[in-house]
N, C-alpha and C. Protein backbone atom coordinates (compact mmCIF):
# COMPACT_ATOMS: atom_id res chain seq x y z
N UNK A 1 -169.79 -152.67 98.37
CA UNK A 1 -170.28 -151.42 98.78
C UNK A 1 -169.93 -151.12 100.27
N UNK A 2 -169.42 -150.00 100.59
CA UNK A 2 -169.12 -149.71 101.90
C UNK A 2 -170.40 -149.38 102.75
N UNK A 3 -170.25 -149.89 103.99
CA UNK A 3 -171.38 -149.50 105.01
C UNK A 3 -171.33 -148.07 105.25
N UNK A 4 -172.52 -147.56 105.77
CA UNK A 4 -172.69 -146.22 106.14
C UNK A 4 -171.61 -145.75 107.19
N UNK A 5 -171.23 -146.62 108.17
CA UNK A 5 -170.28 -146.33 109.18
C UNK A 5 -168.90 -146.18 108.53
N UNK A 6 -168.51 -147.14 107.73
CA UNK A 6 -167.16 -146.99 107.09
C UNK A 6 -167.13 -145.84 106.25
N UNK A 7 -168.07 -145.44 105.41
CA UNK A 7 -168.07 -144.21 104.68
C UNK A 7 -167.87 -143.05 105.57
N UNK A 8 -168.58 -143.06 106.63
CA UNK A 8 -168.53 -141.89 107.61
C UNK A 8 -167.21 -141.77 108.27
N UNK A 9 -166.50 -142.90 108.66
CA UNK A 9 -165.29 -142.80 109.19
C UNK A 9 -164.17 -142.39 108.12
N UNK A 10 -164.39 -142.80 106.99
CA UNK A 10 -163.45 -142.27 106.15
C UNK A 10 -163.50 -140.77 105.82
N UNK A 11 -164.65 -140.24 105.86
CA UNK A 11 -164.88 -138.83 105.75
C UNK A 11 -164.37 -137.99 106.86
N UNK A 12 -164.38 -138.65 108.13
CA UNK A 12 -163.83 -138.00 109.23
C UNK A 12 -162.38 -137.44 109.10
N UNK A 13 -161.64 -138.43 108.39
CA UNK A 13 -160.25 -138.13 108.28
C UNK A 13 -159.85 -137.21 107.13
N UNK A 14 -160.85 -136.71 106.26
CA UNK A 14 -160.77 -135.82 105.38
C UNK A 14 -161.23 -134.44 105.79
N UNK A 15 -160.31 -133.42 106.14
CA UNK A 15 -160.64 -132.14 106.59
C UNK A 15 -161.73 -131.50 105.76
N UNK A 16 -162.63 -130.89 106.52
CA UNK A 16 -163.67 -130.02 105.96
C UNK A 16 -165.00 -130.78 105.40
N UNK A 17 -164.85 -132.12 105.10
CA UNK A 17 -166.03 -132.82 104.78
C UNK A 17 -166.77 -133.46 105.91
N UNK A 18 -166.29 -133.53 107.08
CA UNK A 18 -166.94 -134.11 108.21
C UNK A 18 -168.23 -133.37 108.60
N UNK A 19 -168.14 -132.00 108.63
CA UNK A 19 -169.27 -131.17 109.03
C UNK A 19 -170.36 -131.28 107.96
N UNK A 20 -169.93 -131.28 106.66
CA UNK A 20 -171.03 -131.42 105.61
C UNK A 20 -171.64 -132.89 105.68
N UNK A 21 -170.87 -133.80 106.01
CA UNK A 21 -171.30 -135.21 106.21
C UNK A 21 -172.34 -135.29 107.36
N UNK A 22 -172.02 -134.64 108.45
CA UNK A 22 -172.93 -134.68 109.59
C UNK A 22 -174.21 -133.97 109.31
N UNK A 23 -174.26 -132.88 108.59
CA UNK A 23 -175.37 -132.05 108.34
C UNK A 23 -176.29 -132.92 107.45
N UNK A 24 -175.72 -133.71 106.42
CA UNK A 24 -176.55 -134.49 105.39
C UNK A 24 -177.22 -135.71 106.07
N UNK A 25 -176.41 -136.49 106.82
CA UNK A 25 -176.87 -137.59 107.30
C UNK A 25 -177.81 -137.65 108.49
N UNK A 26 -178.86 -138.35 108.40
CA UNK A 26 -179.90 -138.50 109.45
C UNK A 26 -180.25 -139.91 109.58
N UNK A 27 -180.38 -140.29 110.91
CA UNK A 27 -180.98 -141.75 111.11
C UNK A 27 -182.27 -141.56 111.87
N UNK A 28 -183.29 -142.20 111.50
CA UNK A 28 -184.59 -142.10 112.19
C UNK A 28 -184.97 -140.65 112.28
N UNK A 29 -184.66 -139.76 111.38
CA UNK A 29 -185.04 -138.34 111.53
C UNK A 29 -184.20 -137.48 112.38
N UNK A 30 -183.19 -138.07 113.02
CA UNK A 30 -182.47 -137.36 114.04
C UNK A 30 -181.01 -137.05 113.44
N UNK A 31 -180.56 -135.87 113.60
CA UNK A 31 -179.11 -135.49 113.20
C UNK A 31 -178.18 -135.92 114.32
N UNK A 32 -177.01 -136.07 113.91
CA UNK A 32 -175.98 -136.54 114.91
C UNK A 32 -175.64 -135.45 115.83
N UNK A 33 -175.70 -134.16 115.42
CA UNK A 33 -175.20 -133.00 116.31
C UNK A 33 -176.28 -131.86 116.10
N UNK A 34 -176.34 -131.11 117.24
CA UNK A 34 -177.26 -130.02 117.29
C UNK A 34 -176.59 -128.82 116.43
N UNK A 35 -177.45 -127.79 116.20
CA UNK A 35 -176.94 -126.68 115.47
C UNK A 35 -175.77 -125.95 116.27
N UNK A 36 -176.10 -125.97 117.62
CA UNK A 36 -175.04 -125.22 118.46
C UNK A 36 -173.66 -125.98 118.34
N UNK A 37 -173.75 -127.32 118.35
CA UNK A 37 -172.51 -128.17 118.23
C UNK A 37 -171.83 -127.76 116.80
N UNK A 38 -172.55 -127.69 115.79
CA UNK A 38 -172.03 -127.43 114.46
C UNK A 38 -171.34 -126.03 114.46
N UNK A 39 -172.08 -125.07 115.04
CA UNK A 39 -171.50 -123.71 115.25
C UNK A 39 -170.15 -123.73 115.97
N UNK A 40 -170.20 -124.42 117.10
CA UNK A 40 -168.98 -124.57 117.88
C UNK A 40 -167.84 -125.25 117.02
N UNK A 41 -168.12 -126.32 116.38
CA UNK A 41 -167.06 -126.94 115.54
C UNK A 41 -166.53 -126.14 114.48
N UNK A 42 -167.39 -125.30 113.80
CA UNK A 42 -166.90 -124.37 112.83
C UNK A 42 -165.99 -123.34 113.49
N UNK A 43 -166.41 -122.82 114.66
CA UNK A 43 -165.63 -121.81 115.27
C UNK A 43 -164.25 -122.38 115.73
N UNK A 44 -164.22 -123.60 116.26
CA UNK A 44 -162.92 -124.16 116.54
C UNK A 44 -162.02 -124.27 115.25
N UNK A 45 -162.68 -124.71 114.14
CA UNK A 45 -161.81 -124.89 112.95
C UNK A 45 -161.24 -123.63 112.44
N UNK A 46 -162.05 -122.35 112.61
CA UNK A 46 -161.68 -121.04 112.23
C UNK A 46 -160.63 -120.41 113.13
N UNK A 47 -160.82 -120.59 114.46
CA UNK A 47 -160.06 -119.91 115.29
C UNK A 47 -158.72 -120.57 115.68
N UNK A 48 -157.78 -119.82 115.86
CA UNK A 48 -156.49 -120.19 116.41
C UNK A 48 -156.35 -119.36 117.62
N UNK A 49 -156.31 -119.85 118.86
CA UNK A 49 -156.26 -119.09 120.09
C UNK A 49 -154.81 -118.37 120.10
N UNK A 50 -154.83 -117.04 120.22
CA UNK A 50 -153.68 -116.27 120.41
C UNK A 50 -153.32 -116.14 121.96
N UNK A 51 -152.16 -115.55 122.08
CA UNK A 51 -151.69 -115.33 123.57
C UNK A 51 -152.77 -114.59 124.35
N UNK A 52 -153.29 -113.62 123.87
CA UNK A 52 -154.33 -112.74 124.66
C UNK A 52 -155.50 -113.64 125.08
N UNK A 53 -156.00 -114.49 124.09
CA UNK A 53 -157.11 -115.36 124.44
C UNK A 53 -156.69 -116.41 125.53
N UNK A 54 -155.43 -117.05 125.48
CA UNK A 54 -155.13 -117.94 126.44
C UNK A 54 -154.85 -117.26 127.76
N UNK A 55 -154.32 -116.10 127.82
CA UNK A 55 -154.05 -115.31 129.05
C UNK A 55 -155.38 -115.03 129.68
N UNK A 56 -156.40 -114.56 128.81
CA UNK A 56 -157.84 -114.40 129.41
C UNK A 56 -158.39 -115.52 130.05
N UNK A 57 -158.20 -116.82 129.35
CA UNK A 57 -158.75 -117.96 129.91
C UNK A 57 -158.12 -118.38 131.16
N UNK A 58 -156.81 -118.21 131.25
CA UNK A 58 -155.93 -118.61 132.42
C UNK A 58 -156.31 -117.67 133.54
N UNK A 59 -156.58 -116.43 133.30
CA UNK A 59 -157.04 -115.48 134.39
C UNK A 59 -158.47 -115.85 134.94
N UNK A 60 -159.31 -116.23 133.98
CA UNK A 60 -160.64 -116.82 134.33
C UNK A 60 -160.54 -118.08 135.21
N UNK A 61 -159.58 -118.98 134.84
CA UNK A 61 -159.45 -120.24 135.62
C UNK A 61 -158.95 -119.82 137.06
N UNK A 62 -158.04 -118.90 137.16
CA UNK A 62 -157.50 -118.54 138.43
C UNK A 62 -158.69 -118.15 139.41
N UNK A 63 -159.84 -117.59 138.80
CA UNK A 63 -160.97 -117.10 139.60
C UNK A 63 -162.01 -118.26 139.85
N UNK A 64 -161.83 -119.48 139.22
CA UNK A 64 -162.74 -120.52 139.49
C UNK A 64 -162.69 -120.90 141.00
N UNK A 65 -163.94 -121.06 141.56
CA UNK A 65 -163.94 -121.51 142.94
C UNK A 65 -163.87 -123.03 143.06
N UNK A 66 -164.16 -123.64 141.95
CA UNK A 66 -164.15 -125.20 141.89
C UNK A 66 -163.26 -125.54 140.81
N UNK A 67 -162.21 -126.24 140.92
CA UNK A 67 -161.28 -126.67 139.80
C UNK A 67 -161.23 -128.14 139.98
N UNK A 68 -162.23 -128.91 139.40
CA UNK A 68 -162.17 -130.33 139.38
C UNK A 68 -161.19 -130.98 138.62
N UNK A 69 -160.65 -132.13 139.01
CA UNK A 69 -159.83 -132.88 138.15
C UNK A 69 -160.62 -133.55 137.13
N UNK A 70 -160.33 -133.52 135.83
CA UNK A 70 -161.01 -134.17 134.78
C UNK A 70 -160.04 -135.27 134.47
N UNK A 71 -160.69 -136.56 134.40
CA UNK A 71 -159.97 -137.69 133.94
C UNK A 71 -160.31 -137.91 132.47
N UNK A 72 -159.33 -137.83 131.62
CA UNK A 72 -159.58 -138.09 130.20
C UNK A 72 -159.34 -139.54 129.93
N UNK A 73 -160.35 -140.18 129.51
CA UNK A 73 -160.24 -141.57 129.20
C UNK A 73 -160.26 -141.95 127.75
N UNK A 74 -159.14 -142.81 127.37
CA UNK A 74 -158.94 -143.17 126.12
C UNK A 74 -158.54 -144.69 125.88
N UNK A 75 -159.38 -145.38 125.21
CA UNK A 75 -158.97 -146.73 124.84
C UNK A 75 -158.08 -146.75 123.54
N UNK A 76 -157.18 -147.47 123.47
CA UNK A 76 -156.24 -147.39 122.21
C UNK A 76 -156.16 -148.79 121.66
N UNK A 77 -156.25 -148.84 120.36
CA UNK A 77 -156.01 -149.97 119.67
C UNK A 77 -155.40 -149.89 118.25
N UNK A 78 -154.19 -150.23 118.03
CA UNK A 78 -153.67 -150.32 116.75
C UNK A 78 -153.89 -149.08 115.87
N UNK A 79 -153.78 -147.82 116.29
CA UNK A 79 -154.11 -146.78 115.58
C UNK A 79 -152.77 -146.16 114.92
N UNK A 80 -152.82 -145.53 113.92
CA UNK A 80 -151.54 -145.00 113.24
C UNK A 80 -151.02 -143.95 114.27
N UNK A 81 -149.68 -144.00 114.42
CA UNK A 81 -148.89 -143.20 115.27
C UNK A 81 -149.26 -141.79 115.23
N UNK A 82 -149.37 -141.19 113.93
CA UNK A 82 -149.55 -139.77 113.93
C UNK A 82 -150.92 -139.33 114.46
N UNK A 83 -151.93 -140.14 114.31
CA UNK A 83 -153.35 -139.90 114.83
C UNK A 83 -153.22 -139.97 116.43
N UNK A 84 -152.61 -141.00 116.92
CA UNK A 84 -152.47 -141.12 118.27
C UNK A 84 -151.66 -140.06 119.00
N UNK A 85 -150.62 -139.51 118.33
CA UNK A 85 -149.76 -138.42 118.98
C UNK A 85 -150.63 -137.11 118.85
N UNK A 86 -151.43 -136.91 117.89
CA UNK A 86 -152.23 -135.72 117.65
C UNK A 86 -153.31 -135.79 118.74
N UNK A 87 -153.91 -136.96 119.05
CA UNK A 87 -154.82 -137.03 120.18
C UNK A 87 -154.29 -136.68 121.42
N UNK A 88 -153.15 -137.16 121.75
CA UNK A 88 -152.38 -136.98 123.07
C UNK A 88 -151.99 -135.50 123.14
N UNK A 89 -151.37 -134.95 122.12
CA UNK A 89 -150.97 -133.59 122.13
C UNK A 89 -152.11 -132.58 122.35
N UNK A 90 -153.38 -133.00 121.90
CA UNK A 90 -154.51 -132.13 121.98
C UNK A 90 -154.90 -131.99 123.55
N UNK A 91 -154.56 -133.10 124.25
CA UNK A 91 -154.79 -133.08 125.82
C UNK A 91 -153.70 -132.22 126.40
N UNK A 92 -152.49 -132.54 126.05
CA UNK A 92 -151.37 -131.69 126.63
C UNK A 92 -151.45 -130.23 126.41
N UNK A 93 -152.16 -129.84 125.29
CA UNK A 93 -152.28 -128.40 124.91
C UNK A 93 -153.40 -127.66 125.61
N UNK A 94 -154.11 -128.33 126.52
CA UNK A 94 -155.31 -127.79 127.08
C UNK A 94 -154.92 -126.65 128.00
N UNK A 95 -155.66 -125.59 127.95
CA UNK A 95 -155.51 -124.37 128.85
C UNK A 95 -155.82 -124.76 130.18
N UNK A 96 -156.90 -125.47 130.47
CA UNK A 96 -157.17 -125.96 131.81
C UNK A 96 -156.27 -127.20 132.08
N UNK A 97 -155.52 -127.12 133.14
CA UNK A 97 -154.44 -128.15 133.27
C UNK A 97 -154.60 -129.16 134.48
N UNK A 98 -155.90 -129.10 135.06
CA UNK A 98 -156.21 -130.09 136.13
C UNK A 98 -156.90 -131.22 135.60
N UNK A 99 -156.05 -132.00 135.01
CA UNK A 99 -156.62 -133.28 134.38
C UNK A 99 -155.58 -134.44 134.59
N UNK A 100 -156.04 -135.60 134.24
CA UNK A 100 -155.21 -136.86 134.22
C UNK A 100 -155.60 -137.63 132.91
N UNK A 101 -154.73 -138.34 132.35
CA UNK A 101 -154.97 -138.97 131.17
C UNK A 101 -154.95 -140.52 131.39
N UNK A 102 -156.04 -141.18 131.34
CA UNK A 102 -156.09 -142.65 131.80
C UNK A 102 -156.36 -143.37 130.38
N UNK A 103 -155.35 -144.11 130.07
CA UNK A 103 -155.27 -144.80 128.76
C UNK A 103 -155.15 -146.22 128.90
N UNK A 104 -155.80 -147.01 128.20
CA UNK A 104 -155.75 -148.50 128.07
C UNK A 104 -155.34 -148.95 126.73
N UNK A 105 -154.26 -149.56 126.55
CA UNK A 105 -153.91 -150.06 125.28
C UNK A 105 -154.38 -151.48 125.19
N UNK A 106 -155.25 -151.69 124.30
CA UNK A 106 -156.07 -153.06 124.21
C UNK A 106 -155.26 -153.99 123.48
N UNK A 107 -154.03 -154.28 123.89
CA UNK A 107 -153.05 -155.34 123.39
C UNK A 107 -152.88 -155.04 121.87
N UNK A 108 -152.49 -153.83 121.54
CA UNK A 108 -152.19 -153.53 120.13
C UNK A 108 -151.07 -154.32 119.61
N UNK A 109 -151.12 -154.94 118.44
CA UNK A 109 -150.00 -155.72 117.90
C UNK A 109 -148.97 -154.82 117.28
N UNK A 110 -149.26 -153.65 117.02
CA UNK A 110 -148.17 -152.69 116.44
C UNK A 110 -147.34 -152.31 117.47
N UNK A 111 -145.98 -152.37 117.48
CA UNK A 111 -145.00 -151.93 118.53
C UNK A 111 -144.99 -150.49 118.64
N UNK A 112 -145.28 -149.64 117.68
CA UNK A 112 -145.11 -148.23 117.74
C UNK A 112 -146.08 -147.61 118.81
N UNK A 113 -147.22 -148.37 119.07
CA UNK A 113 -148.22 -147.87 120.15
C UNK A 113 -147.53 -147.70 121.45
N UNK A 114 -146.88 -148.84 121.93
CA UNK A 114 -146.23 -148.82 123.28
C UNK A 114 -145.08 -147.78 123.26
N UNK A 115 -144.39 -147.65 122.21
CA UNK A 115 -143.27 -146.66 122.10
C UNK A 115 -143.90 -145.21 122.28
N UNK A 116 -144.99 -144.82 121.64
CA UNK A 116 -145.49 -143.58 121.75
C UNK A 116 -146.06 -143.39 123.14
N UNK A 117 -146.89 -144.36 123.67
CA UNK A 117 -147.40 -144.23 125.03
C UNK A 117 -146.38 -144.10 126.06
N UNK A 118 -145.36 -144.90 126.02
CA UNK A 118 -144.23 -144.86 127.02
C UNK A 118 -143.47 -143.47 126.93
N UNK A 119 -143.36 -142.90 125.77
CA UNK A 119 -142.71 -141.61 125.62
C UNK A 119 -143.46 -140.53 126.41
N UNK A 120 -144.82 -140.50 126.30
CA UNK A 120 -145.64 -139.63 126.89
C UNK A 120 -145.77 -139.93 128.38
N UNK A 121 -145.81 -141.07 128.78
CA UNK A 121 -145.97 -141.57 130.15
C UNK A 121 -144.62 -140.96 130.94
N UNK A 122 -143.51 -140.99 130.33
CA UNK A 122 -142.22 -140.50 130.83
C UNK A 122 -142.25 -138.96 130.87
N UNK A 123 -142.84 -138.33 129.94
CA UNK A 123 -142.98 -136.85 129.83
C UNK A 123 -143.79 -136.19 130.79
N UNK A 124 -144.91 -136.86 131.28
CA UNK A 124 -145.93 -136.09 132.16
C UNK A 124 -146.60 -137.15 133.18
N UNK A 125 -146.45 -136.70 134.40
CA UNK A 125 -146.91 -137.59 135.43
C UNK A 125 -148.39 -137.78 135.57
N UNK A 126 -149.11 -136.84 134.74
CA UNK A 126 -150.52 -137.17 134.74
C UNK A 126 -151.03 -138.16 133.89
N UNK A 127 -150.21 -138.82 133.20
CA UNK A 127 -150.45 -139.97 132.37
C UNK A 127 -150.59 -141.17 133.20
N UNK A 128 -151.61 -142.01 133.09
CA UNK A 128 -151.79 -143.30 133.66
C UNK A 128 -152.07 -144.30 132.56
N UNK A 129 -151.21 -145.29 132.27
CA UNK A 129 -151.44 -146.05 131.15
C UNK A 129 -151.47 -147.53 131.60
N UNK A 130 -152.39 -148.36 131.15
CA UNK A 130 -152.54 -149.74 131.38
C UNK A 130 -152.40 -150.49 130.13
N UNK A 131 -151.40 -151.49 130.08
CA UNK A 131 -151.22 -152.26 128.89
C UNK A 131 -151.90 -153.61 129.06
N UNK A 132 -152.99 -153.95 128.23
CA UNK A 132 -153.69 -155.10 128.52
C UNK A 132 -153.02 -156.27 127.77
N UNK A 133 -153.04 -157.43 128.24
CA UNK A 133 -152.38 -158.63 127.83
C UNK A 133 -153.23 -159.14 126.67
N UNK A 134 -154.61 -159.11 126.75
CA UNK A 134 -155.44 -159.65 125.67
C UNK A 134 -156.44 -158.57 125.19
N UNK A 135 -156.66 -158.65 124.00
CA UNK A 135 -157.74 -157.71 123.35
C UNK A 135 -159.02 -157.89 123.93
N UNK A 136 -159.65 -156.74 124.41
CA UNK A 136 -160.99 -156.86 125.14
C UNK A 136 -162.01 -155.96 124.37
N UNK A 137 -161.57 -155.40 123.28
CA UNK A 137 -162.62 -154.58 122.55
C UNK A 137 -162.69 -153.19 123.14
N UNK A 138 -163.35 -152.37 122.53
CA UNK A 138 -163.38 -150.91 122.92
C UNK A 138 -164.10 -150.78 124.36
N UNK A 139 -165.21 -151.52 124.61
CA UNK A 139 -165.76 -151.33 125.97
C UNK A 139 -164.98 -151.93 126.95
N UNK A 140 -164.30 -153.12 126.75
CA UNK A 140 -163.42 -153.77 127.84
C UNK A 140 -162.23 -152.69 128.02
N UNK A 141 -161.63 -152.26 127.03
CA UNK A 141 -160.48 -151.23 127.16
C UNK A 141 -160.95 -149.97 127.87
N UNK A 142 -162.06 -149.56 127.60
CA UNK A 142 -162.70 -148.31 128.23
C UNK A 142 -162.79 -148.63 129.81
N UNK A 143 -163.46 -149.73 130.04
CA UNK A 143 -163.60 -150.13 131.47
C UNK A 143 -162.26 -150.38 132.23
N UNK A 144 -161.20 -150.79 131.50
CA UNK A 144 -159.89 -150.93 132.12
C UNK A 144 -159.34 -149.57 132.35
N UNK A 145 -159.46 -148.52 131.37
CA UNK A 145 -159.06 -147.18 131.68
C UNK A 145 -159.74 -146.61 132.80
N UNK A 146 -161.00 -146.81 132.85
CA UNK A 146 -161.92 -146.16 133.81
C UNK A 146 -161.47 -146.66 135.22
N UNK A 147 -160.72 -147.83 135.48
CA UNK A 147 -160.23 -148.28 136.72
C UNK A 147 -159.15 -147.31 137.20
N UNK A 148 -158.57 -146.59 136.30
CA UNK A 148 -157.36 -145.82 136.63
C UNK A 148 -157.80 -144.28 137.04
N UNK A 149 -159.00 -144.09 136.88
CA UNK A 149 -159.68 -142.75 137.07
C UNK A 149 -159.62 -142.29 138.62
N UNK A 150 -159.22 -141.16 138.82
CA UNK A 150 -159.24 -140.50 140.17
C UNK A 150 -159.83 -139.11 140.26
N UNK A 151 -160.36 -138.68 138.98
CA UNK A 151 -161.00 -137.25 138.89
C UNK A 151 -162.30 -137.28 139.18
N UNK A 152 -162.84 -136.11 139.42
CA UNK A 152 -164.27 -135.99 139.76
C UNK A 152 -165.07 -136.07 138.48
N UNK A 153 -164.59 -135.85 137.28
CA UNK A 153 -165.39 -135.92 136.11
C UNK A 153 -164.56 -136.81 135.04
N UNK A 154 -165.23 -137.41 134.11
CA UNK A 154 -164.62 -138.17 133.05
C UNK A 154 -164.90 -137.59 131.63
N UNK A 155 -163.99 -137.40 130.86
CA UNK A 155 -164.15 -136.99 129.55
C UNK A 155 -163.64 -138.24 128.64
N UNK A 156 -164.39 -138.45 127.49
CA UNK A 156 -164.04 -139.62 126.66
C UNK A 156 -163.32 -138.91 125.45
N UNK A 157 -162.22 -139.64 125.01
CA UNK A 157 -161.52 -139.28 123.82
C UNK A 157 -161.25 -140.53 123.09
N UNK A 158 -161.45 -140.54 121.76
CA UNK A 158 -161.05 -141.73 120.97
C UNK A 158 -159.57 -141.53 120.57
N UNK A 159 -158.98 -142.65 120.23
CA UNK A 159 -157.50 -142.63 119.97
C UNK A 159 -157.16 -141.90 118.64
N UNK A 160 -158.10 -141.37 117.87
CA UNK A 160 -157.68 -140.65 116.67
C UNK A 160 -158.55 -139.41 116.59
N UNK A 161 -159.06 -139.03 117.80
CA UNK A 161 -159.76 -137.67 117.73
C UNK A 161 -158.98 -136.57 118.53
N UNK A 162 -159.47 -135.35 118.47
CA UNK A 162 -158.59 -134.38 119.15
C UNK A 162 -159.60 -133.35 119.85
N UNK A 163 -159.12 -132.84 121.04
CA UNK A 163 -159.85 -131.83 121.75
C UNK A 163 -159.38 -130.48 121.19
N UNK A 164 -160.30 -129.54 121.30
CA UNK A 164 -159.82 -128.15 120.89
C UNK A 164 -159.15 -127.65 122.16
N UNK A 165 -158.32 -126.70 121.94
CA UNK A 165 -157.37 -126.21 123.09
C UNK A 165 -158.18 -125.82 124.30
N UNK A 166 -159.41 -125.21 124.13
CA UNK A 166 -160.28 -124.82 125.21
C UNK A 166 -161.29 -125.86 125.75
N UNK A 167 -161.27 -126.96 125.24
CA UNK A 167 -162.32 -127.99 125.62
C UNK A 167 -162.55 -128.21 127.00
N UNK A 168 -161.46 -128.47 127.77
CA UNK A 168 -161.65 -128.81 129.25
C UNK A 168 -162.06 -127.41 130.01
N UNK A 169 -161.44 -126.36 129.60
CA UNK A 169 -161.63 -125.04 130.16
C UNK A 169 -163.36 -124.80 130.01
N UNK A 170 -163.87 -124.93 128.76
CA UNK A 170 -165.27 -124.76 128.66
C UNK A 170 -166.13 -125.71 129.50
N UNK A 171 -165.86 -126.92 129.60
CA UNK A 171 -166.54 -127.88 130.44
C UNK A 171 -166.43 -127.31 131.89
N UNK A 172 -165.38 -126.91 132.42
CA UNK A 172 -165.28 -126.56 133.91
C UNK A 172 -166.07 -125.24 134.00
N UNK A 173 -165.90 -124.37 133.07
CA UNK A 173 -166.55 -123.04 133.12
C UNK A 173 -168.02 -123.11 133.39
């Protein structure tokens, strides 16, 4: 029998089922996300940002009096290439562009991980990647990625998750 965590993780990868899963599951009487979070997640799934929306966000960004650098921190270990690339592309697609991507590869045995990371590192100077010699686990890899941070704020991203296109914009706003 699969554990609660394993069942939950399997459902994350199946579109549409994750929200239903979150709404149903409670631990000690507490739900995982607030109603506002669920509404936001539904909106992001429904909406595709058009050129007008992006232009409006960019105009609003121009008016920000404070534009902090957000350090996106991501530990990576042996994830499938497609999920890693989708996570990375979700950061590259951000409307708010004042960010850096601090990644620690936790000594992944799969060679495609380094190939993917090096490709993006060459593509964008905002990428800071550290390749660990020994596996340190998620907390160790996160700490190593944190050493690369130079931004005023830190955002966490798992190696198989994605940001919505307006995520950093909304945080700064």
